[in-house]
């Protein structure tokens, strides 16, 4: 969704950016959940959870604020070392590394981002209905 010709953000621009940010947030949580419990033969090769990074953008002309996704970064959480010599990926010491994904936290993240997305859909639906009602009044 682009800006209007005046360079100011509309309600639809703000909502579109917010929805896009929530989709990135949901996708990172889904990726983390998909890799929960993933095992690696090396500490460096172990999956590390992803987190979306957001920045607020303010349109001073009309007082609207929205969010931009500035990137997706890997967590610095250390993989969990487990001694399992029978595992096919075990190193010479019999150790494997398990991804440090907190499944409960990721589910909360996914549910919260889904709810925020739904809130923006409802706000857009209300705005659309108000616009239609206004046109009908003329």
N, C-alpha and C. Protein backbone atom coordinates (compact mmCIF):
# COMPACT_ATOMS: atom_id res chain seq x y z
N UNK A 1 0.84 -1.17 0.00
CA UNK A 1 0.00 0.00 0.00
C UNK A 1 0.88 1.23 0.00
N UNK A 2 0.73 2.03 -0.98
CA UNK A 2 1.56 3.21 -1.09
C UNK A 2 0.95 4.38 -0.38
N UNK A 3 1.76 5.42 -0.25
CA UNK A 3 1.28 6.66 0.34
C UNK A 3 0.38 7.37 -0.63
N UNK A 4 -0.47 8.22 -0.12
CA UNK A 4 -1.32 9.03 -0.99
C UNK A 4 -0.45 10.02 -1.73
N UNK A 5 -1.03 10.68 -2.73
CA UNK A 5 -0.25 11.60 -3.55
C UNK A 5 0.30 12.77 -2.76
N UNK A 6 -0.30 13.13 -1.64
CA UNK A 6 0.20 14.25 -0.83
C UNK A 6 1.39 13.84 0.03
N UNK A 7 1.73 12.56 0.06
CA UNK A 7 2.83 12.09 0.89
C UNK A 7 2.41 11.73 2.30
N UNK A 8 1.16 11.97 2.64
CA UNK A 8 0.67 11.63 3.97
C UNK A 8 0.15 10.19 3.97
N UNK A 9 0.29 9.55 5.12
CA UNK A 9 -0.24 8.20 5.24
C UNK A 9 -1.74 8.25 5.51
N UNK A 10 -2.43 7.34 4.88
CA UNK A 10 -3.87 7.21 5.15
C UNK A 10 -4.06 6.11 6.20
N UNK A 11 -5.27 6.01 6.67
CA UNK A 11 -5.61 4.93 7.60
C UNK A 11 -5.28 3.57 6.97
N UNK A 12 -5.48 3.45 5.67
CA UNK A 12 -5.23 2.19 4.99
C UNK A 12 -3.74 1.88 4.91
N UNK A 13 -2.91 2.94 4.75
CA UNK A 13 -1.45 2.74 4.77
C UNK A 13 -1.01 2.24 6.15
N UNK A 14 -1.50 2.89 7.18
CA UNK A 14 -1.14 2.53 8.56
C UNK A 14 -1.55 1.08 8.84
N UNK A 15 -2.79 0.75 8.51
CA UNK A 15 -3.29 -0.61 8.76
C UNK A 15 -2.51 -1.65 7.94
N UNK A 16 -2.21 -1.32 6.71
CA UNK A 16 -1.47 -2.24 5.86
C UNK A 16 -0.09 -2.55 6.41
N UNK A 17 0.59 -1.52 6.88
CA UNK A 17 1.92 -1.73 7.47
C UNK A 17 1.82 -2.54 8.75
N UNK A 18 0.83 -2.24 9.56
CA UNK A 18 0.66 -2.99 10.82
C UNK A 18 0.36 -4.46 10.53
N UNK A 19 -0.48 -4.71 9.55
CA UNK A 19 -0.80 -6.10 9.19
C UNK A 19 0.42 -6.83 8.65
N UNK A 20 1.19 -6.14 7.83
CA UNK A 20 2.41 -6.72 7.28
C UNK A 20 3.39 -7.07 8.40
N UNK A 21 3.53 -6.18 9.37
CA UNK A 21 4.43 -6.44 10.50
C UNK A 21 3.97 -7.66 11.30
N UNK A 22 2.67 -7.77 11.50
CA UNK A 22 2.15 -8.92 12.25
C UNK A 22 2.36 -10.23 11.48
N UNK A 23 2.29 -10.18 10.15
CA UNK A 23 2.56 -11.38 9.36
C UNK A 23 4.01 -11.81 9.51
N UNK A 24 4.94 -10.86 9.53
CA UNK A 24 6.35 -11.19 9.74
C UNK A 24 6.52 -11.83 11.11
N UNK A 25 5.86 -11.25 12.09
CA UNK A 25 5.92 -11.77 13.46
C UNK A 25 5.37 -13.20 13.53
N UNK A 26 4.25 -13.44 12.87
CA UNK A 26 3.66 -14.80 12.85
C UNK A 26 4.59 -15.78 12.13
N UNK A 27 5.18 -15.34 11.03
CA UNK A 27 6.07 -16.23 10.27
C UNK A 27 7.32 -16.60 11.06
N UNK A 28 7.88 -15.65 11.81
CA UNK A 28 9.06 -16.00 12.61
C UNK A 28 8.69 -16.97 13.72
N UNK A 29 7.53 -16.77 14.34
CA UNK A 29 7.09 -17.70 15.38
C UNK A 29 6.84 -19.08 14.79
N UNK A 30 6.25 -19.13 13.60
CA UNK A 30 6.00 -20.42 12.94
C UNK A 30 7.31 -21.13 12.61
N UNK A 31 8.30 -20.37 12.14
CA UNK A 31 9.61 -20.95 11.85
C UNK A 31 10.25 -21.49 13.12
N UNK A 32 10.13 -20.72 14.19
CA UNK A 32 10.70 -21.18 15.47
C UNK A 32 10.02 -22.46 15.96
N UNK A 33 8.70 -22.50 15.85
CA UNK A 33 7.97 -23.70 16.28
C UNK A 33 8.32 -24.90 15.42
N UNK A 34 8.49 -24.66 14.13
CA UNK A 34 8.84 -25.76 13.23
C UNK A 34 10.22 -26.33 13.54
N UNK A 35 11.08 -25.51 14.13
CA UNK A 35 12.45 -25.96 14.44
C UNK A 35 12.66 -26.27 15.92
N UNK A 36 11.58 -26.24 16.69
CA UNK A 36 11.69 -26.59 18.12
C UNK A 36 12.17 -28.03 18.24
N UNK A 37 13.16 -28.22 19.04
CA UNK A 37 13.68 -29.57 19.25
C UNK A 37 14.61 -30.06 18.16
N UNK A 38 14.92 -29.19 17.18
CA UNK A 38 15.85 -29.59 16.11
C UNK A 38 17.22 -29.87 16.72
N UNK A 39 17.87 -30.89 16.21
CA UNK A 39 19.15 -31.34 16.74
C UNK A 39 20.24 -31.10 15.71
N UNK A 40 21.41 -30.72 16.20
CA UNK A 40 22.57 -30.50 15.34
C UNK A 40 23.78 -31.20 15.95
N UNK A 41 24.72 -31.52 15.10
CA UNK A 41 25.96 -32.15 15.56
C UNK A 41 26.99 -31.14 16.03
N UNK A 42 26.72 -29.84 15.78
CA UNK A 42 27.64 -28.80 16.24
C UNK A 42 26.85 -27.68 16.90
N UNK A 43 27.51 -26.98 17.81
CA UNK A 43 26.86 -25.85 18.47
C UNK A 43 26.56 -24.75 17.46
N UNK A 44 27.48 -24.51 16.54
CA UNK A 44 27.30 -23.45 15.54
C UNK A 44 26.17 -23.78 14.57
N UNK A 45 25.92 -25.04 14.32
CA UNK A 45 24.91 -25.47 13.37
C UNK A 45 23.50 -25.56 13.95
N UNK A 46 23.39 -25.40 15.26
CA UNK A 46 22.08 -25.52 15.91
C UNK A 46 21.19 -24.34 15.52
N UNK A 47 19.91 -24.63 15.33
CA UNK A 47 18.94 -23.57 15.02
C UNK A 47 18.80 -22.64 16.20
N UNK A 48 18.78 -21.34 15.90
CA UNK A 48 18.53 -20.32 16.93
C UNK A 48 17.25 -19.58 16.56
N UNK A 49 16.40 -19.33 17.55
CA UNK A 49 15.11 -18.68 17.27
C UNK A 49 15.28 -17.32 16.59
N UNK A 50 14.29 -16.97 15.80
CA UNK A 50 14.26 -15.69 15.09
C UNK A 50 13.32 -14.73 15.79
N UNK A 51 13.62 -13.45 15.70
CA UNK A 51 12.76 -12.41 16.25
C UNK A 51 12.67 -11.27 15.24
N UNK A 52 11.46 -10.78 15.04
CA UNK A 52 11.26 -9.62 14.17
C UNK A 52 11.60 -8.36 14.95
N UNK A 53 12.23 -7.40 14.27
CA UNK A 53 12.59 -6.12 14.89
C UNK A 53 11.74 -5.04 14.22
N UNK A 54 11.06 -4.25 15.06
CA UNK A 54 10.16 -3.22 14.56
C UNK A 54 10.66 -1.83 14.93
N UNK A 55 10.25 -0.85 14.15
CA UNK A 55 10.52 0.56 14.45
C UNK A 55 9.25 1.34 14.17
N UNK A 56 8.96 2.29 15.05
CA UNK A 56 7.78 3.14 14.88
C UNK A 56 8.08 4.21 13.84
N UNK A 57 7.10 4.47 13.00
CA UNK A 57 7.20 5.55 12.02
C UNK A 57 6.04 6.50 12.26
N UNK A 58 6.36 7.77 12.45
CA UNK A 58 5.36 8.79 12.73
C UNK A 58 5.19 9.69 11.52
N UNK A 59 3.95 9.87 11.10
CA UNK A 59 3.61 10.83 10.04
C UNK A 59 3.15 12.10 10.74
N UNK A 60 4.07 13.06 10.88
CA UNK A 60 3.77 14.28 11.63
C UNK A 60 2.67 15.12 10.97
N UNK A 61 2.51 14.97 9.67
CA UNK A 61 1.52 15.77 8.95
C UNK A 61 0.09 15.49 9.43
N UNK A 62 -0.19 14.22 9.74
CA UNK A 62 -1.55 13.90 10.18
C UNK A 62 -1.60 13.21 11.54
N UNK A 63 -0.47 13.08 12.20
CA UNK A 63 -0.44 12.52 13.54
C UNK A 63 -0.61 11.02 13.63
N UNK A 64 -0.50 10.32 12.50
CA UNK A 64 -0.64 8.87 12.52
C UNK A 64 0.72 8.22 12.75
N UNK A 65 0.73 7.15 13.50
CA UNK A 65 1.94 6.37 13.73
C UNK A 65 1.71 4.96 13.24
N UNK A 66 2.72 4.37 12.68
CA UNK A 66 2.64 2.99 12.24
C UNK A 66 3.98 2.32 12.53
N UNK A 67 4.12 1.11 12.07
CA UNK A 67 5.31 0.33 12.37
C UNK A 67 5.94 -0.17 11.08
N UNK A 68 7.25 -0.25 11.09
CA UNK A 68 8.00 -0.84 9.98
C UNK A 68 8.81 -2.00 10.53
N UNK A 69 8.97 -3.03 9.74
CA UNK A 69 9.85 -4.13 10.10
C UNK A 69 11.24 -3.75 9.63
N UNK A 70 12.17 -3.63 10.57
CA UNK A 70 13.53 -3.24 10.20
C UNK A 70 14.42 -4.46 9.97
N UNK A 71 13.96 -5.63 10.36
CA UNK A 71 14.74 -6.82 10.12
C UNK A 71 14.27 -7.99 10.95
N UNK A 72 14.89 -9.12 10.70
CA UNK A 72 14.66 -10.33 11.47
C UNK A 72 16.03 -10.79 11.94
N UNK A 73 16.18 -10.96 13.24
CA UNK A 73 17.48 -11.31 13.81
C UNK A 73 17.40 -12.66 14.52
N UNK A 74 18.56 -13.29 14.64
CA UNK A 74 18.65 -14.55 15.38
C UNK A 74 18.87 -14.26 16.85
N UNK A 75 18.27 -15.06 17.68
CA UNK A 75 18.44 -14.95 19.12
C UNK A 75 19.87 -15.32 19.49
N UNK A 76 20.32 -14.78 20.60
CA UNK A 76 21.65 -15.13 21.10
C UNK A 76 21.58 -16.28 22.11
N UNK A 77 20.39 -16.84 22.29
CA UNK A 77 20.23 -17.96 23.23
C UNK A 77 21.11 -19.13 22.81
N UNK A 78 21.80 -19.69 23.77
CA UNK A 78 22.71 -20.81 23.48
C UNK A 78 21.91 -22.10 23.30
N UNK A 79 22.32 -22.91 22.32
CA UNK A 79 21.68 -24.22 22.15
C UNK A 79 21.94 -25.09 23.38
N UNK A 80 21.05 -26.02 23.60
CA UNK A 80 21.17 -26.91 24.75
C UNK A 80 22.02 -28.12 24.39
N UNK A 81 23.08 -28.32 25.13
CA UNK A 81 23.98 -29.45 24.90
C UNK A 81 23.43 -30.67 25.60
N UNK A 82 23.39 -31.78 24.87
CA UNK A 82 22.87 -33.02 25.46
C UNK A 82 23.81 -34.16 25.08
N UNK A 83 24.15 -34.96 26.05
CA UNK A 83 25.01 -36.12 25.80
C UNK A 83 24.13 -37.28 25.32
N UNK A 84 24.34 -37.67 24.07
CA UNK A 84 23.56 -38.76 23.47
C UNK A 84 24.43 -39.48 22.44
N UNK A 85 25.35 -40.32 22.91
CA UNK A 85 26.30 -40.97 21.99
C UNK A 85 25.64 -41.85 20.93
N UNK A 86 24.41 -42.27 21.17
CA UNK A 86 23.74 -43.13 20.18
C UNK A 86 23.09 -42.33 19.05
N UNK A 87 23.03 -41.02 19.20
CA UNK A 87 22.39 -40.19 18.17
C UNK A 87 23.30 -40.13 16.94
N UNK A 88 22.73 -40.27 15.73
CA UNK A 88 23.56 -40.27 14.52
C UNK A 88 24.32 -38.96 14.28
N UNK A 89 23.87 -37.85 14.84
CA UNK A 89 24.56 -36.57 14.66
C UNK A 89 25.55 -36.27 15.78
N UNK A 90 25.70 -37.17 16.76
CA UNK A 90 26.58 -36.92 17.90
C UNK A 90 28.02 -36.72 17.43
N UNK A 91 28.69 -35.76 18.11
CA UNK A 91 30.09 -35.51 17.77
C UNK A 91 30.98 -36.57 18.43
N UNK A 92 32.29 -36.36 18.36
CA UNK A 92 33.24 -37.34 18.89
C UNK A 92 33.07 -37.55 20.40
N UNK A 93 32.56 -36.55 21.10
CA UNK A 93 32.32 -36.68 22.55
C UNK A 93 30.95 -37.27 22.86
N UNK A 94 30.15 -37.52 21.83
CA UNK A 94 28.81 -38.07 22.04
C UNK A 94 27.77 -37.01 22.36
N UNK A 95 28.05 -35.76 22.01
CA UNK A 95 27.14 -34.66 22.31
C UNK A 95 26.39 -34.18 21.07
N UNK A 96 25.16 -33.73 21.30
CA UNK A 96 24.36 -33.06 20.26
C UNK A 96 23.86 -31.73 20.85
N UNK A 97 23.46 -30.82 19.99
CA UNK A 97 22.94 -29.53 20.43
C UNK A 97 21.51 -29.38 19.95
N UNK A 98 20.65 -28.99 20.87
CA UNK A 98 19.22 -28.86 20.59
C UNK A 98 18.86 -27.38 20.55
N UNK A 99 18.01 -27.01 19.59
CA UNK A 99 17.62 -25.61 19.45
C UNK A 99 16.95 -25.11 20.73
N UNK A 100 17.25 -23.87 21.13
CA UNK A 100 16.70 -23.33 22.38
C UNK A 100 15.36 -22.63 22.20
N UNK A 101 14.45 -23.24 21.48
CA UNK A 101 13.14 -22.63 21.23
C UNK A 101 12.22 -22.91 22.41
N UNK A 102 11.63 -21.85 22.94
CA UNK A 102 10.64 -21.96 24.01
C UNK A 102 9.27 -22.05 23.32
N UNK A 103 8.75 -23.26 23.22
CA UNK A 103 7.51 -23.49 22.48
C UNK A 103 6.32 -22.71 23.06
N UNK A 104 6.25 -22.61 24.37
CA UNK A 104 5.15 -21.86 24.99
C UNK A 104 5.22 -20.38 24.62
N UNK A 105 6.41 -19.81 24.71
CA UNK A 105 6.58 -18.39 24.36
C UNK A 105 6.26 -18.15 22.89
N UNK A 106 6.63 -19.07 22.04
CA UNK A 106 6.35 -18.92 20.60
C UNK A 106 4.85 -19.02 20.31
N UNK A 107 4.16 -19.89 21.03
CA UNK A 107 2.71 -19.99 20.85
C UNK A 107 2.02 -18.70 21.30
N UNK A 108 2.47 -18.13 22.40
CA UNK A 108 1.93 -16.85 22.86
C UNK A 108 2.20 -15.77 21.82
N UNK A 109 3.41 -15.75 21.28
CA UNK A 109 3.78 -14.77 20.24
C UNK A 109 2.86 -14.92 19.02
N UNK A 110 2.63 -16.15 18.61
CA UNK A 110 1.80 -16.39 17.45
C UNK A 110 0.34 -15.98 17.71
N UNK A 111 -0.18 -16.33 18.88
CA UNK A 111 -1.55 -15.95 19.21
C UNK A 111 -1.72 -14.44 19.31
N UNK A 112 -0.73 -13.77 19.91
CA UNK A 112 -0.81 -12.32 20.05
C UNK A 112 -0.73 -11.63 18.69
N UNK A 113 0.18 -12.07 17.84
CA UNK A 113 0.29 -11.45 16.51
C UNK A 113 -0.95 -11.72 15.68
N UNK A 114 -1.53 -12.89 15.82
CA UNK A 114 -2.76 -13.22 15.11
C UNK A 114 -3.90 -12.31 15.56
N UNK A 115 -3.97 -12.07 16.86
CA UNK A 115 -5.02 -11.20 17.40
C UNK A 115 -4.83 -9.76 16.93
N UNK A 116 -3.59 -9.29 16.91
CA UNK A 116 -3.31 -7.93 16.43
C UNK A 116 -3.68 -7.79 14.95
N UNK A 117 -3.39 -8.82 14.18
CA UNK A 117 -3.75 -8.81 12.76
C UNK A 117 -5.28 -8.73 12.62
N UNK A 118 -5.97 -9.55 13.40
CA UNK A 118 -7.44 -9.56 13.37
C UNK A 118 -8.00 -8.19 13.77
N UNK A 119 -7.39 -7.54 14.75
CA UNK A 119 -7.83 -6.21 15.16
C UNK A 119 -7.73 -5.22 14.00
N UNK A 120 -6.66 -5.30 13.23
CA UNK A 120 -6.48 -4.38 12.10
C UNK A 120 -7.50 -4.68 10.99
N UNK A 121 -7.82 -5.94 10.78
CA UNK A 121 -8.84 -6.29 9.80
C UNK A 121 -10.19 -5.70 10.22
N UNK A 122 -10.51 -5.79 11.49
CA UNK A 122 -11.76 -5.23 11.99
C UNK A 122 -11.78 -3.71 11.88
N UNK A 123 -10.64 -3.06 12.15
CA UNK A 123 -10.56 -1.60 12.03
C UNK A 123 -10.77 -1.18 10.57
N UNK A 124 -10.17 -1.90 9.65
CA UNK A 124 -10.35 -1.58 8.23
C UNK A 124 -11.79 -1.81 7.80
N UNK A 125 -12.40 -2.86 8.28
CA UNK A 125 -13.79 -3.14 7.95
C UNK A 125 -14.70 -2.03 8.46
N UNK A 126 -14.44 -1.56 9.67
CA UNK A 126 -15.23 -0.46 10.24
C UNK A 126 -15.03 0.81 9.43
N UNK A 127 -13.78 1.12 9.08
CA UNK A 127 -13.48 2.32 8.29
C UNK A 127 -14.18 2.25 6.93
N UNK A 128 -14.14 1.08 6.31
CA UNK A 128 -14.81 0.91 5.01
C UNK A 128 -16.31 1.16 5.14
N UNK A 129 -16.91 0.59 6.18
CA UNK A 129 -18.35 0.77 6.38
C UNK A 129 -18.69 2.23 6.64
N UNK A 130 -17.89 2.92 7.42
CA UNK A 130 -18.13 4.33 7.68
C UNK A 130 -18.01 5.16 6.40
N UNK A 131 -17.05 4.82 5.57
CA UNK A 131 -16.89 5.53 4.29
C UNK A 131 -18.11 5.30 3.40
N UNK A 132 -18.58 4.07 3.35
CA UNK A 132 -19.77 3.76 2.54
C UNK A 132 -21.00 4.49 3.07
N UNK A 133 -21.15 4.53 4.39
CA UNK A 133 -22.28 5.25 4.99
C UNK A 133 -22.22 6.74 4.67
N UNK A 134 -21.01 7.29 4.68
CA UNK A 134 -20.84 8.71 4.37
C UNK A 134 -21.19 9.00 2.93
N UNK A 135 -20.78 8.13 2.03
CA UNK A 135 -21.11 8.32 0.60
C UNK A 135 -22.61 8.25 0.38
N UNK A 136 -23.29 7.35 1.07
CA UNK A 136 -24.73 7.20 0.92
C UNK A 136 -25.48 8.42 1.45
N UNK A 137 -24.89 9.14 2.41
CA UNK A 137 -25.56 10.31 2.99
C UNK A 137 -25.59 11.50 2.04
N UNK A 138 -24.67 11.54 1.09
CA UNK A 138 -24.57 12.70 0.20
C UNK A 138 -25.68 12.73 -0.82
